[in-house]
C-alpha cells in the first residue's frame, strides 16, 4: 500500500517551514524585502531543493532580494543541517514564484469580463 505523502514531499514541507523561520529570524540583510517561501520541491535523492519565493515590491527590490537569498544559500543550508536530522542536507536553489502576480492578473481579467457583461446586458 503506497504512502499518501512521499518522503520528498514531507521533507520539502519541513524545509519550507525551517527556511521561512530562518529567513525571518536569522537573515538581517536590509536589502532583503518582504518575502514569502511559497513552496519547496526536493529531488528524489534529496540532494537538491528548489525553493520558490514570492517577493512583495518593485522589480528592483525583487532582484535584490533574490540576490541576497542566492548569496545566503550556503548559510541557510548550514543552519538547516543543524535543525534537520538528515544525513544529507539538500543544496538550495532559489526561484522566483510568479503565481501570486499571475493570480491577481487573472482575477482582474475576470472582473473586467464580468463588468463588461453587465454593461452589455444593460444595452439590450
PDB file of N, CA and C in Angstrom:
ATOM      1  N   UNK A   1       0.837  -1.178   0.000  1.00  0.00           N
ATOM      2  CA  UNK A   1       0.000   0.000   0.000  1.00  0.00           C
ATOM      3  C   UNK A   1       0.886   1.247   0.000  1.00  0.00           C
ATOM      4  N   UNK A   2       0.755   2.134  -1.006  1.00  0.00           N
ATOM      5  CA  UNK A   2       1.618   3.311  -1.075  1.00  0.00           C
ATOM      6  C   UNK A   2       1.267   4.326  -0.002  1.00  0.00           C
ATOM      7  N   UNK A   3       2.271   5.070   0.390  1.00  0.00           N
ATOM      8  CA  UNK A   3       2.060   6.146   1.359  1.00  0.00           C
ATOM      9  C   UNK A   3       1.326   7.294   0.695  1.00  0.00           C
ATOM     10  N   UNK A   4       0.571   8.010   1.487  1.00  0.00           N
ATOM     11  CA  UNK A   4      -0.156   9.151   0.939  1.00  0.00           C
ATOM     12  C   UNK A   4       0.797  10.288   0.585  1.00  0.00           C
ATOM     13  N   UNK A   5       1.838  10.495   1.386  1.00  0.00           N
ATOM     14  CA  UNK A   5       2.791  11.563   1.142  1.00  0.00           C
ATOM     15  C   UNK A   5       4.178  10.948   1.008  1.00  0.00           C
ATOM     16  N   UNK A   6       4.768  11.045  -0.166  1.00  0.00           N
ATOM     17  CA  UNK A   6       6.125  10.513  -0.313  1.00  0.00           C
ATOM     18  C   UNK A   6       7.112  11.293   0.553  1.00  0.00           C
ATOM     19  N   UNK A   7       8.237  10.671   0.807  1.00  0.00           N
ATOM     20  CA  UNK A   7       9.243  11.275   1.683  1.00  0.00           C
ATOM     21  C   UNK A   7       9.698  12.635   1.159  1.00  0.00           C
ATOM     22  N   UNK A   8       9.868  12.753  -0.148  1.00  0.00           N
ATOM     23  CA  UNK A   8      10.328  14.030  -0.701  1.00  0.00           C
ATOM     24  C   UNK A   8       9.333  15.153  -0.400  1.00  0.00           C
ATOM     25  N   UNK A   9       8.051  14.822  -0.403  1.00  0.00           N
ATOM     26  CA  UNK A   9       7.029  15.826  -0.096  1.00  0.00           C
ATOM     27  C   UNK A   9       7.119  16.253   1.374  1.00  0.00           C
ATOM     28  N   UNK A  10       7.270  15.294   2.258  1.00  0.00           N
ATOM     29  CA  UNK A  10       7.373  15.613   3.691  1.00  0.00           C
ATOM     30  C   UNK A  10       8.633  16.421   3.980  1.00  0.00           C
ATOM     31  N   UNK A  11       9.747  16.032   3.362  1.00  0.00           N
ATOM     32  CA  UNK A  11      10.999  16.759   3.565  1.00  0.00           C
ATOM     33  C   UNK A  11      10.869  18.180   3.016  1.00  0.00           C
ATOM     34  N   UNK A  12      10.237  18.325   1.859  1.00  0.00           N
ATOM     35  CA  UNK A  12      10.039  19.653   1.276  1.00  0.00           C
ATOM     36  C   UNK A  12       9.235  20.569   2.179  1.00  0.00           C
ATOM     37  N   UNK A  13       8.177  20.032   2.772  1.00  0.00           N
ATOM     38  CA  UNK A  13       7.366  20.843   3.688  1.00  0.00           C
ATOM     39  C   UNK A  13       8.154  21.249   4.924  1.00  0.00           C
ATOM     40  N   UNK A  14       8.950  20.326   5.450  1.00  0.00           N
ATOM     41  CA  UNK A  14       9.771  20.643   6.621  1.00  0.00           C
ATOM     42  C   UNK A  14      10.816  21.708   6.287  1.00  0.00           C
ATOM     43  N   UNK A  15      11.450  21.570   5.136  1.00  0.00           N
ATOM     44  CA  UNK A  15      12.444  22.562   4.710  1.00  0.00           C
ATOM     45  C   UNK A  15      11.785  23.917   4.507  1.00  0.00           C
ATOM     46  N   UNK A  16      10.578  23.937   3.952  1.00  0.00           N
ATOM     47  CA  UNK A  16       9.855  25.191   3.749  1.00  0.00           C
ATOM     48  C   UNK A  16       9.621  25.891   5.083  1.00  0.00           C
ATOM     49  N   UNK A  17       9.164  25.156   6.078  1.00  0.00           N
ATOM     50  CA  UNK A  17       8.928  25.758   7.406  1.00  0.00           C
ATOM     51  C   UNK A  17      10.227  26.273   8.006  1.00  0.00           C
ATOM     52  N   UNK A  18      11.278  25.478   7.922  1.00  0.00           N
ATOM     53  CA  UNK A  18      12.562  25.867   8.525  1.00  0.00           C
ATOM     54  C   UNK A  18      13.165  27.087   7.830  1.00  0.00           C
ATOM     55  N   UNK A  19      13.141  27.107   6.501  1.00  0.00           N
ATOM     56  CA  UNK A  19      13.722  28.237   5.771  1.00  0.00           C
ATOM     57  C   UNK A  19      12.930  29.513   6.059  1.00  0.00           C
ATOM     58  N   UNK A  20      11.613  29.416   6.120  1.00  0.00           N
ATOM     59  CA  UNK A  20      10.801  30.600   6.430  1.00  0.00           C
ATOM     60  C   UNK A  20      11.195  31.168   7.787  1.00  0.00           C
ATOM     61  N   UNK A  21      11.389  30.300   8.759  1.00  0.00           N
ATOM     62  CA  UNK A  21      11.802  30.744  10.090  1.00  0.00           C
ATOM     63  C   UNK A  21      13.199  31.339  10.066  1.00  0.00           C
ATOM     64  N   UNK A  22      14.120  30.675   9.355  1.00  0.00           N
ATOM     65  CA  UNK A  22      15.494  31.164   9.288  1.00  0.00           C
ATOM     66  C   UNK A  22      15.573  32.523   8.596  1.00  0.00           C
ATOM     67  N   UNK A  23      14.844  32.695   7.508  1.00  0.00           N
ATOM     68  CA  UNK A  23      14.878  33.965   6.786  1.00  0.00           C
ATOM     69  C   UNK A  23      14.332  35.083   7.671  1.00  0.00           C
ATOM     70  N   UNK A  24      13.295  34.780   8.408  1.00  0.00           N
ATOM     71  CA  UNK A  24      12.684  35.798   9.270  1.00  0.00           C
ATOM     72  C   UNK A  24      13.580  36.132  10.462  1.00  0.00           C
ATOM     73  N   UNK A  25      14.198  35.132  11.082  1.00  0.00           N
ATOM     74  CA  UNK A  25      14.930  35.355  12.334  1.00  0.00           C
ATOM     75  C   UNK A  25      16.436  35.516  12.173  1.00  0.00           C
ATOM     76  N   UNK A  26      17.028  34.920  11.158  1.00  0.00           N
ATOM     77  CA  UNK A  26      18.486  34.887  11.056  1.00  0.00           C
ATOM     78  C   UNK A  26      19.071  35.869  10.040  1.00  0.00           C
ATOM     79  N   UNK A  27      18.373  36.093   8.927  1.00  0.00           N
ATOM     80  CA  UNK A  27      18.913  36.980   7.894  1.00  0.00           C
ATOM     81  C   UNK A  27      18.550  38.422   8.227  1.00  0.00           C
ATOM     82  N   UNK A  28      19.551  39.217   8.498  1.00  0.00           N
ATOM     83  CA  UNK A  28      19.335  40.608   8.912  1.00  0.00           C
ATOM     84  C   UNK A  28      19.761  41.593   7.820  1.00  0.00           C
ATOM     85  N   UNK A  29      19.853  41.136   6.585  1.00  0.00           N
ATOM     86  CA  UNK A  29      20.270  41.989   5.479  1.00  0.00           C
ATOM     87  C   UNK A  29      19.164  42.996   5.153  1.00  0.00           C
ATOM     88  N   UNK A  30      19.447  44.295   5.180  1.00  0.00           N
ATOM     89  CA  UNK A  30      18.410  45.292   4.900  1.00  0.00           C
ATOM     90  C   UNK A  30      17.938  45.276   3.444  1.00  0.00           C
ATOM     91  N   UNK A  31      18.723  44.675   2.543  1.00  0.00           N
ATOM     92  CA  UNK A  31      18.317  44.599   1.139  1.00  0.00           C
ATOM     93  C   UNK A  31      17.232  43.558   0.917  1.00  0.00           C
ATOM     94  N   UNK A  32      17.037  42.679   1.888  1.00  0.00           N
ATOM     95  CA  UNK A  32      16.036  41.623   1.775  1.00  0.00           C
ATOM     96  C   UNK A  32      14.658  42.223   2.029  1.00  0.00           C
ATOM     97  N   UNK A  33      13.800  42.155   1.028  1.00  0.00           N
ATOM     98  CA  UNK A  33      12.471  42.742   1.142  1.00  0.00           C
ATOM     99  C   UNK A  33      11.493  41.799   1.827  1.00  0.00           C
ATOM    100  N   UNK A  34      10.222  42.077   1.628  1.00  0.00           N
ATOM    101  CA  UNK A  34       9.149  41.241   2.182  1.00  0.00           C
ATOM    102  C   UNK A  34       9.036  40.002   1.301  1.00  0.00           C
ATOM    103  N   UNK A  35       9.481  38.859   1.831  1.00  0.00           N
ATOM    104  CA  UNK A  35       9.446  37.639   1.038  1.00  0.00           C
ATOM    105  C   UNK A  35       8.616  36.580   1.739  1.00  0.00           C
ATOM    106  N   UNK A  36       8.155  35.640   0.934  1.00  0.00           N
ATOM    107  CA  UNK A  36       7.392  34.514   1.434  1.00  0.00           C
ATOM    108  C   UNK A  36       7.886  33.264   0.718  1.00  0.00           C
ATOM    109  N   UNK A  37       8.145  32.215   1.470  1.00  0.00           N
ATOM    110  CA  UNK A  37       8.549  30.937   0.881  1.00  0.00           C
ATOM    111  C   UNK A  37       7.261  30.219   0.505  1.00  0.00           C
ATOM    112  N   UNK A  38       6.971  30.153  -0.794  1.00  0.00           N
ATOM    113  CA  UNK A  38       5.684  29.612  -1.220  1.00  0.00           C
ATOM    114  C   UNK A  38       5.707  28.099  -1.405  1.00  0.00           C
ATOM    115  N   UNK A  39       6.844  27.521  -1.750  1.00  0.00           N
ATOM    116  CA  UNK A  39       6.910  26.069  -1.923  1.00  0.00           C
ATOM    117  C   UNK A  39       8.360  25.618  -1.964  1.00  0.00           C
ATOM    118  N   UNK A  40       8.562  24.337  -1.667  1.00  0.00           N
ATOM    119  CA  UNK A  40       9.881  23.722  -1.795  1.00  0.00           C
ATOM    120  C   UNK A  40       9.685  22.374  -2.468  1.00  0.00           C
ATOM    121  N   UNK A  41      10.447  22.151  -3.515  1.00  0.00           N
ATOM    122  CA  UNK A  41      10.406  20.885  -4.236  1.00  0.00           C
ATOM    123  C   UNK A  41      11.767  20.216  -4.089  1.00  0.00           C
ATOM    124  N   UNK A  42      11.773  18.990  -3.575  1.00  0.00           N
ATOM    125  CA  UNK A  42      13.021  18.283  -3.298  1.00  0.00           C
ATOM    126  C   UNK A  42      13.199  17.157  -4.320  1.00  0.00           C
ATOM    127  N   UNK A  43      14.426  16.985  -4.797  1.00  0.00           N
ATOM    128  CA  UNK A  43      14.700  15.903  -5.746  1.00  0.00           C
ATOM    129  C   UNK A  43      14.552  14.546  -5.049  1.00  0.00           C
ATOM    130  N   UNK A  44      14.399  13.492  -5.838  1.00  0.00           N
ATOM    131  CA  UNK A  44      14.155  12.156  -5.272  1.00  0.00           C
ATOM    132  C   UNK A  44      15.302  11.676  -4.392  1.00  0.00           C
ATOM    133  N   UNK A  45      16.531  12.059  -4.758  1.00  0.00           N
ATOM    134  CA  UNK A  45      17.678  11.635  -3.946  1.00  0.00           C
ATOM    135  C   UNK A  45      17.992  12.605  -2.811  1.00  0.00           C
ATOM    136  N   UNK A  46      17.143  13.616  -2.626  1.00  0.00           N
ATOM    137  CA  UNK A  46      17.251  14.613  -1.551  1.00  0.00           C
ATOM    138  C   UNK A  46      18.535  15.436  -1.609  1.00  0.00           C
ATOM    139  N   UNK A  47      19.148  15.549  -2.795  1.00  0.00           N
ATOM    140  CA  UNK A  47      20.391  16.302  -2.890  1.00  0.00           C
ATOM    141  C   UNK A  47      20.174  17.758  -3.313  1.00  0.00           C
ATOM    142  N   UNK A  48      19.021  18.056  -3.903  1.00  0.00           N
ATOM    143  CA  UNK A  48      18.726  19.410  -4.355  1.00  0.00           C
ATOM    144  C   UNK A  48      17.313  19.793  -3.942  1.00  0.00           C
ATOM    145  N   UNK A  49      17.144  21.065  -3.603  1.00  0.00           N
ATOM    146  CA  UNK A  49      15.822  21.581  -3.250  1.00  0.00           C
ATOM    147  C   UNK A  49      15.596  22.882  -4.007  1.00  0.00           C
ATOM    148  N   UNK A  50      14.482  22.940  -4.733  1.00  0.00           N
ATOM    149  CA  UNK A  50      14.076  24.171  -5.391  1.00  0.00           C
ATOM    150  C   UNK A  50      13.165  24.921  -4.431  1.00  0.00           C
ATOM    151  N   UNK A  51      13.586  26.111  -4.054  1.00  0.00           N
ATOM    152  CA  UNK A  51      12.829  26.926  -3.105  1.00  0.00           C
ATOM    153  C   UNK A  51      12.168  28.051  -3.899  1.00  0.00           C
ATOM    154  N   UNK A  52      10.826  28.062  -3.912  1.00  0.00           N
ATOM    155  CA  UNK A  52      10.067  29.067  -4.651  1.00  0.00           C
ATOM    156  C   UNK A  52       9.698  30.203  -3.707  1.00  0.00           C
ATOM    157  N   UNK A  53      10.040  31.418  -4.126  1.00  0.00           N
ATOM    158  CA  UNK A  53       9.918  32.593  -3.274  1.00  0.00           C
ATOM    159  C   UNK A  53       9.039  33.635  -3.947  1.00  0.00           C
ATOM    160  N   UNK A  54       8.120  34.205  -3.180  1.00  0.00           N
ATOM    161  CA  UNK A  54       7.322  35.347  -3.631  1.00  0.00           C
ATOM    162  C   UNK A  54       7.865  36.588  -2.938  1.00  0.00           C
ATOM    163  N   UNK A  55       8.061  37.643  -3.713  1.00  0.00           N
ATOM    164  CA  UNK A  55       8.617  38.884  -3.165  1.00  0.00           C
ATOM    165  C   UNK A  55       7.612  39.997  -3.395  1.00  0.00           C
ATOM    166  N   UNK A  56       7.331  40.742  -2.328  1.00  0.00           N
ATOM    167  CA  UNK A  56       6.428  41.879  -2.419  1.00  0.00           C
ATOM    168  C   UNK A  56       7.263  43.128  -2.641  1.00  0.00           C
ATOM    169  N   UNK A  57       7.001  43.813  -3.736  1.00  0.00           N
ATOM    170  CA  UNK A  57       7.741  45.033  -4.002  1.00  0.00           C
ATOM    171  C   UNK A  57       7.994  45.216  -5.488  1.00  0.00           C
ATOM    172  N   UNK A  58       8.843  46.188  -5.800  1.00  0.00           N
ATOM    173  CA  UNK A  58       9.154  46.512  -7.189  1.00  0.00           C
ATOM    174  C   UNK A  58      10.088  45.462  -7.787  1.00  0.00           C
ATOM    175  N   UNK A  59      10.315  45.582  -9.091  1.00  0.00           N
ATOM    176  CA  UNK A  59      11.223  44.655  -9.771  1.00  0.00           C
ATOM    177  C   UNK A  59      12.643  44.780  -9.218  1.00  0.00           C
ATOM    178  N   UNK A  60      13.038  45.996  -8.883  1.00  0.00           N
ATOM    179  CA  UNK A  60      14.372  46.220  -8.327  1.00  0.00           C
ATOM    180  C   UNK A  60      14.510  45.533  -6.962  1.00  0.00           C
ATOM    181  N   UNK A  61      13.491  45.669  -6.113  1.00  0.00           N
ATOM    182  CA  UNK A  61      13.504  45.015  -4.801  1.00  0.00           C
ATOM    183  C   UNK A  61      13.496  43.491  -4.952  1.00  0.00           C
ATOM    184  N   UNK A  62      12.751  42.994  -5.931  1.00  0.00           N
ATOM    185  CA  UNK A  62      12.694  41.558  -6.181  1.00  0.00           C
ATOM    186  C   UNK A  62      14.064  41.031  -6.583  1.00  0.00           C
ATOM    187  N   UNK A  63      14.707  41.728  -7.500  1.00  0.00           N
ATOM    188  CA  UNK A  63      16.037  41.323  -7.960  1.00  0.00           C
ATOM    189  C   UNK A  63      17.031  41.326  -6.807  1.00  0.00           C
ATOM    190  N   UNK A  64      17.002  42.365  -6.001  1.00  0.00           N
ATOM    191  CA  UNK A  64      17.937  42.479  -4.872  1.00  0.00           C
ATOM    192  C   UNK A  64      17.661  41.393  -3.833  1.00  0.00           C
ATOM    193  N   UNK A  65      16.393  41.101  -3.542  1.00  0.00           N
ATOM    194  CA  UNK A  65      16.050  40.058  -2.573  1.00  0.00           C
ATOM    195  C   UNK A  65      16.519  38.693  -3.057  1.00  0.00           C
ATOM    196  N   UNK A  66      16.347  38.427  -4.347  1.00  0.00           N
ATOM    197  CA  UNK A  66      16.792  37.141  -4.896  1.00  0.00           C
ATOM    198  C   UNK A  66      18.317  37.033  -4.837  1.00  0.00           C
ATOM    199  N   UNK A  67      19.009  38.140  -5.071  1.00  0.00           N
ATOM    200  CA  UNK A  67      20.471  38.148  -4.992  1.00  0.00           C
ATOM    201  C   UNK A  67      20.921  37.828  -3.562  1.00  0.00           C
ATOM    202  N   UNK A  68      20.243  38.414  -2.578  1.00  0.00           N
ATOM    203  CA  UNK A  68      20.571  38.162  -1.171  1.00  0.00           C
ATOM    204  C   UNK A  68      20.341  36.683  -0.830  1.00  0.00           C
ATOM    205  N   UNK A  69      19.231  36.130  -1.286  1.00  0.00           N
ATOM    206  CA  UNK A  69      18.929  34.723  -0.993  1.00  0.00           C
ATOM    207  C   UNK A  69      19.946  33.783  -1.645  1.00  0.00           C
ATOM    208  N   UNK A  70      20.327  34.065  -2.894  1.00  0.00           N
ATOM    209  CA  UNK A  70      21.337  33.235  -3.554  1.00  0.00           C
ATOM    210  C   UNK A  70      22.667  33.299  -2.790  1.00  0.00           C
ATOM    211  N   UNK A  71      22.992  34.488  -2.307  1.00  0.00           N
ATOM    212  CA  UNK A  71      24.240  34.666  -1.560  1.00  0.00           C
ATOM    213  C   UNK A  71      24.187  33.936  -0.207  1.00  0.00           C
ATOM    214  N   UNK A  72      23.004  33.877   0.410  1.00  0.00           N
ATOM    215  CA  UNK A  72      22.855  33.268   1.740  1.00  0.00           C
ATOM    216  C   UNK A  72      22.522  31.780   1.675  1.00  0.00           C
ATOM    217  N   UNK A  73      22.494  31.180   0.488  1.00  0.00           N
ATOM    218  CA  UNK A  73      22.089  29.778   0.350  1.00  0.00           C
ATOM    219  C   UNK A  73      22.973  28.843   1.180  1.00  0.00           C
ATOM    220  N   UNK A  74      24.267  29.057   1.171  1.00  0.00           N
ATOM    221  CA  UNK A  74      25.177  28.205   1.946  1.00  0.00           C
ATOM    222  C   UNK A  74      24.934  28.326   3.444  1.00  0.00           C
ATOM    223  N   UNK A  75      24.734  29.550   3.903  1.00  0.00           N
ATOM    224  CA  UNK A  75      24.453  29.789   5.318  1.00  0.00           C
ATOM    225  C   UNK A  75      23.143  29.117   5.731  1.00  0.00           C
ATOM    226  N   UNK A  76      22.111  29.280   4.897  1.00  0.00           N
ATOM    227  CA  UNK A  76      20.819  28.664   5.206  1.00  0.00           C
ATOM    228  C   UNK A  76      20.923  27.140   5.209  1.00  0.00           C
ATOM    229  N   UNK A  77      21.696  26.591   4.281  1.00  0.00           N
ATOM    230  CA  UNK A  77      21.883  25.138   4.245  1.00  0.00           C
ATOM    231  C   UNK A  77      22.599  24.651   5.508  1.00  0.00           C
ATOM    232  N   UNK A  78      23.586  25.414   5.951  1.00  0.00           N
ATOM    233  CA  UNK A  78      24.303  25.078   7.181  1.00  0.00           C
ATOM    234  C   UNK A  78      23.350  25.075   8.378  1.00  0.00           C
ATOM    235  N   UNK A  79      22.519  26.105   8.470  1.00  0.00           N
ATOM    236  CA  UNK A  79      21.544  26.189   9.566  1.00  0.00           C
ATOM    237  C   UNK A  79      20.514  25.064   9.476  1.00  0.00           C
ATOM    238  N   UNK A  80      20.103  24.702   8.259  1.00  0.00           N
ATOM    239  CA  UNK A  80      19.181  23.573   8.090  1.00  0.00           C
ATOM    240  C   UNK A  80      19.810  22.284   8.600  1.00  0.00           C
ATOM    241  N   UNK A  81      21.097  22.133   8.358  1.00  0.00           N
ATOM    242  CA  UNK A  81      21.802  20.936   8.817  1.00  0.00           C
ATOM    243  C   UNK A  81      21.779  20.796  10.326  1.00  0.00           C
ATOM    244  N   UNK A  82      21.772  21.905  11.029  1.00  0.00           N
ATOM    245  CA  UNK A  82      21.722  21.859  12.492  1.00  0.00           C
ATOM    246  C   UNK A  82      20.320  21.552  13.018  1.00  0.00           C
ATOM    247  N   UNK A  83      19.279  21.947  12.246  1.00  0.00           N
ATOM    248  CA  UNK A  83      17.919  21.761  12.751  1.00  0.00           C
ATOM    249  C   UNK A  83      17.239  20.499  12.225  1.00  0.00           C
ATOM    250  N   UNK A  84      17.617  20.031  11.047  1.00  0.00           N
ATOM    251  CA  UNK A  84      17.014  18.822  10.485  1.00  0.00           C
ATOM    252  C   UNK A  84      17.888  17.617  10.806  1.00  0.00           C
ATOM    253  N   UNK A  85      17.264  16.514  11.085  1.00  0.00           N
ATOM    254  CA  UNK A  85      18.014  15.293  11.402  1.00  0.00           C
ATOM    255  C   UNK A  85      18.048  14.415  10.159  1.00  0.00           C
ATOM    256  N   UNK A  86      18.891  14.832   9.204  1.00  0.00           N
ATOM    257  CA  UNK A  86      19.029  14.119   7.940  1.00  0.00           C
ATOM    258  C   UNK A  86      20.510  13.891   7.668  1.00  0.00           C
ATOM    259  N   UNK A  87      20.791  12.817   6.954  1.00  0.00           N
ATOM    260  CA  UNK A  87      22.171  12.518   6.603  1.00  0.00           C
ATOM    261  C   UNK A  87      22.691  13.513   5.561  1.00  0.00           C
ATOM    262  N   UNK A  88      21.844  13.822   4.584  1.00  0.00           N
ATOM    263  CA  UNK A  88      22.223  14.748   3.518  1.00  0.00           C
ATOM    264  C   UNK A  88      21.270  15.935   3.539  1.00  0.00           C
ATOM    265  N   UNK A  89      21.825  17.132   3.569  1.00  0.00           N
ATOM    266  CA  UNK A  89      21.014  18.348   3.505  1.00  0.00           C
ATOM    267  C   UNK A  89      21.043  18.817   2.052  1.00  0.00           C
ATOM    268  N   UNK A  90      19.877  19.034   1.451  1.00  0.00           N
ATOM    269  CA  UNK A  90      19.843  19.412   0.033  1.00  0.00           C
ATOM    270  C   UNK A  90      20.506  20.756  -0.241  1.00  0.00           C
ATOM    271  N   UNK A  91      21.086  20.859  -1.428  1.00  0.00           N
ATOM    272  CA  UNK A  91      21.615  22.127  -1.903  1.00  0.00           C
ATOM    273  C   UNK A  91      20.422  22.994  -2.284  1.00  0.00           C
ATOM    274  N   UNK A  92      20.430  24.244  -1.872  1.00  0.00           N
ATOM    275  CA  UNK A  92      19.278  25.121  -2.068  1.00  0.00           C
ATOM    276  C   UNK A  92      19.414  25.947  -3.340  1.00  0.00           C
ATOM    277  N   UNK A  93      18.340  25.934  -4.146  1.00  0.00           N
ATOM    278  CA  UNK A  93      18.265  26.730  -5.365  1.00  0.00           C
ATOM    279  C   UNK A  93      17.001  27.575  -5.265  1.00  0.00           C
ATOM    280  N   UNK A  94      17.151  28.897  -5.340  1.00  0.00           N
ATOM    281  CA  UNK A  94      16.026  29.807  -5.171  1.00  0.00           C
ATOM    282  C   UNK A  94      15.464  30.230  -6.531  1.00  0.00           C
ATOM    283  N   UNK A  95      14.133  30.201  -6.637  1.00  0.00           N
ATOM    284  CA  UNK A  95      13.432  30.604  -7.849  1.00  0.00           C
ATOM    285  C   UNK A  95      12.317  31.559  -7.484  1.00  0.00           C
ATOM    286  N   UNK A  96      12.095  32.533  -8.339  1.00  0.00           N
ATOM    287  CA  UNK A  96      11.025  33.497  -8.127  1.00  0.00           C
ATOM    288  C   UNK A  96       9.701  32.860  -8.510  1.00  0.00           C
ATOM    289  N   UNK A  97       8.717  32.960  -7.632  1.00  0.00           N
ATOM    290  CA  UNK A  97       7.389  32.394  -7.858  1.00  0.00           C
ATOM    291  C   UNK A  97       6.454  33.515  -8.307  1.00  0.00           C
ATOM    292  N   UNK A  98       5.958  33.400  -9.524  1.00  0.00           N
ATOM    293  CA  UNK A  98       5.083  34.428 -10.087  1.00  0.00           C
ATOM    294  C   UNK A  98       3.611  34.085  -9.922  1.00  0.00           C
ATOM    295  N   UNK A  99       3.270  33.063  -9.165  1.00  0.00           N
ATOM    296  CA  UNK A  99       1.883  32.605  -9.092  1.00  0.00           C
ATOM    297  C   UNK A  99       0.955  33.659  -8.466  1.00  0.00           C
ATOM    298  N   UNK A 100       1.423  34.426  -7.476  1.00  0.00           N
ATOM    299  CA  UNK A 100       0.570  35.458  -6.877  1.00  0.00           C
ATOM    300  C   UNK A 100       0.260  36.566  -7.877  1.00  0.00           C
ATOM    301  N   UNK A 101       1.281  36.996  -8.620  1.00  0.00           N
ATOM    302  CA  UNK A 101       1.073  38.028  -9.630  1.00  0.00           C
ATOM    303  C   UNK A 101       0.140  37.527 -10.726  1.00  0.00           C
ATOM    304  N   UNK A 102       0.349  36.291 -11.155  1.00  0.00           N
ATOM    305  CA  UNK A 102      -0.477  35.702 -12.205  1.00  0.00           C
ATOM    306  C   UNK A 102      -1.920  35.559 -11.738  1.00  0.00           C
ATOM    307  N   UNK A 103      -2.115  35.161 -10.492  1.00  0.00           N
ATOM    308  CA  UNK A 103      -3.453  35.048  -9.930  1.00  0.00           C
ATOM    309  C   UNK A 103      -4.161  36.391  -9.884  1.00  0.00           C
ATOM    310  N   UNK A 104      -3.448  37.435  -9.501  1.00  0.00           N
ATOM    311  CA  UNK A 104      -4.038  38.780  -9.460  1.00  0.00           C
ATOM    312  C   UNK A 104      -4.392  39.255 -10.868  1.00  0.00           C
ATOM    313  N   UNK A 105      -3.534  38.949 -11.837  1.00  0.00           N
ATOM    314  CA  UNK A 105      -3.798  39.343 -13.219  1.00  0.00           C
ATOM    315  C   UNK A 105      -5.041  38.636 -13.758  1.00  0.00           C
ATOM    316  N   UNK A 106      -5.160  37.338 -13.502  1.00  0.00           N
ATOM    317  CA  UNK A 106      -6.313  36.573 -13.968  1.00  0.00           C
ATOM    318  C   UNK A 106      -7.584  37.053 -13.273  1.00  0.00           C
ATOM    319  N   UNK A 107      -7.496  37.344 -11.985  1.00  0.00           N
ATOM    320  CA  UNK A 107      -8.650  37.854 -11.249  1.00  0.00           C
ATOM    321  C   UNK A 107      -9.121  39.187 -11.821  1.00  0.00           C
ATOM    322  N   UNK A 108      -8.187  40.065 -12.172  1.00  0.00           N
ATOM    323  CA  UNK A 108      -8.542  41.354 -12.768  1.00  0.00           C
ATOM    324  C   UNK A 108      -9.205  41.157 -14.130  1.00  0.00           C
ATOM    325  N   UNK A 109      -8.697  40.197 -14.917  1.00  0.00           N
ATOM    326  CA  UNK A 109      -9.318  39.908 -16.214  1.00  0.00           C
ATOM    327  C   UNK A 109     -10.751  39.402 -16.048  1.00  0.00           C
ATOM    328  N   UNK A 110     -10.971  38.542 -15.078  1.00  0.00           N
ATOM    329  CA  UNK A 110     -12.311  38.009 -14.814  1.00  0.00           C
ATOM    330  C   UNK A 110     -13.243  39.129 -14.381  1.00  0.00           C
ATOM    331  N   UNK A 111     -12.770  39.981 -13.473  1.00  0.00           N
ATOM    332  CA  UNK A 111     -13.594  41.112 -13.017  1.00  0.00           C
ATOM    333  C   UNK A 111     -13.943  42.050 -14.169  1.00  0.00           C
ATOM    334  N   UNK A 112     -12.977  42.284 -15.057  1.00  0.00           N
ATOM    335  CA  UNK A 112     -13.219  43.142 -16.209  1.00  0.00           C
ATOM    336  C   UNK A 112     -14.253  42.512 -17.152  1.00  0.00           C
ATOM    337  N   UNK A 113     -14.158  41.191 -17.349  1.00  0.00           N
ATOM    338  CA  UNK A 113     -15.114  40.493 -18.218  1.00  0.00           C
ATOM    339  C   UNK A 113     -16.523  40.537 -17.614  1.00  0.00           C
ATOM    340  N   UNK A 114     -16.635  40.358 -16.315  1.00  0.00           N
ATOM    341  CA  UNK A 114     -17.946  40.414 -15.645  1.00  0.00           C
ATOM    342  C   UNK A 114     -18.544  41.811 -15.766  1.00  0.00           C
ATOM    343  N   UNK A 115     -17.723  42.829 -15.542  1.00  0.00           N
ATOM    344  CA  UNK A 115     -18.206  44.208 -15.668  1.00  0.00           C
ATOM    345  C   UNK A 115     -18.643  44.503 -17.098  1.00  0.00           C
ATOM    346  N   UNK A 116     -17.909  43.983 -18.066  1.00  0.00           N
ATOM    347  CA  UNK A 116     -18.262  44.170 -19.469  1.00  0.00           C
ATOM    348  C   UNK A 116     -19.587  43.488 -19.790  1.00  0.00           C
ATOM    349  N   UNK A 117     -19.792  42.273 -19.270  1.00  0.00           N
ATOM    350  CA  UNK A 117     -21.054  41.556 -19.483  1.00  0.00           C
ATOM    351  C   UNK A 117     -22.231  42.314 -18.882  1.00  0.00           C
ATOM    352  N   UNK A 118     -22.055  42.865 -17.690  1.00  0.00           N
ATOM    353  CA  UNK A 118     -23.131  43.631 -17.047  1.00  0.00           C
ATOM    354  C   UNK A 118     -23.461  44.871 -17.856  1.00  0.00           C
ATOM    355  N   UNK A 119     -22.438  45.504 -18.432  1.00  0.00           N
ATOM    356  CA  UNK A 119     -22.652  46.690 -19.255  1.00  0.00           C
ATOM    357  C   UNK A 119     -23.393  46.343 -20.541  1.00  0.00           C
ATOM    358  N   UNK A 120     -23.091  45.185 -21.127  1.00  0.00           N
ATOM    359  CA  UNK A 120     -23.743  44.757 -22.363  1.00  0.00           C
ATOM    360  C   UNK A 120     -25.198  44.358 -22.115  1.00  0.00           C
ATOM    361  N   UNK A 121     -25.520  43.815 -20.964  1.00  0.00           N
ATOM    362  CA  UNK A 121     -26.902  43.426 -20.636  1.00  0.00           C
ATOM    363  C   UNK A 121     -27.799  44.643 -20.480  1.00  0.00           C
ATOM    364  N   UNK A 122     -27.218  45.731 -20.000  1.00  0.00           N
ATOM    365  CA  UNK A 122     -27.985  46.958 -19.805  1.00  0.00           C
ATOM    366  C   UNK A 122     -28.399  47.583 -21.139  1.00  0.00           C
ATOM    367  N   UNK A 123     -27.643  47.301 -22.216  1.00  0.00           N
ATOM    368  CA  UNK A 123     -27.945  47.851 -23.540  1.00  0.00           C
ATOM    369  C   UNK A 123     -29.070  47.098 -24.237  1.00  0.00           C
ATOM    370  N   UNK A 124     -29.332  45.841 -23.838  1.00  0.00           N
ATOM    371  CA  UNK A 124     -30.361  45.027 -24.512  1.00  0.00           C
ATOM    372  C   UNK A 124     -31.751  45.506 -24.275  1.00  0.00           C
TER     373      UNK A 124
END
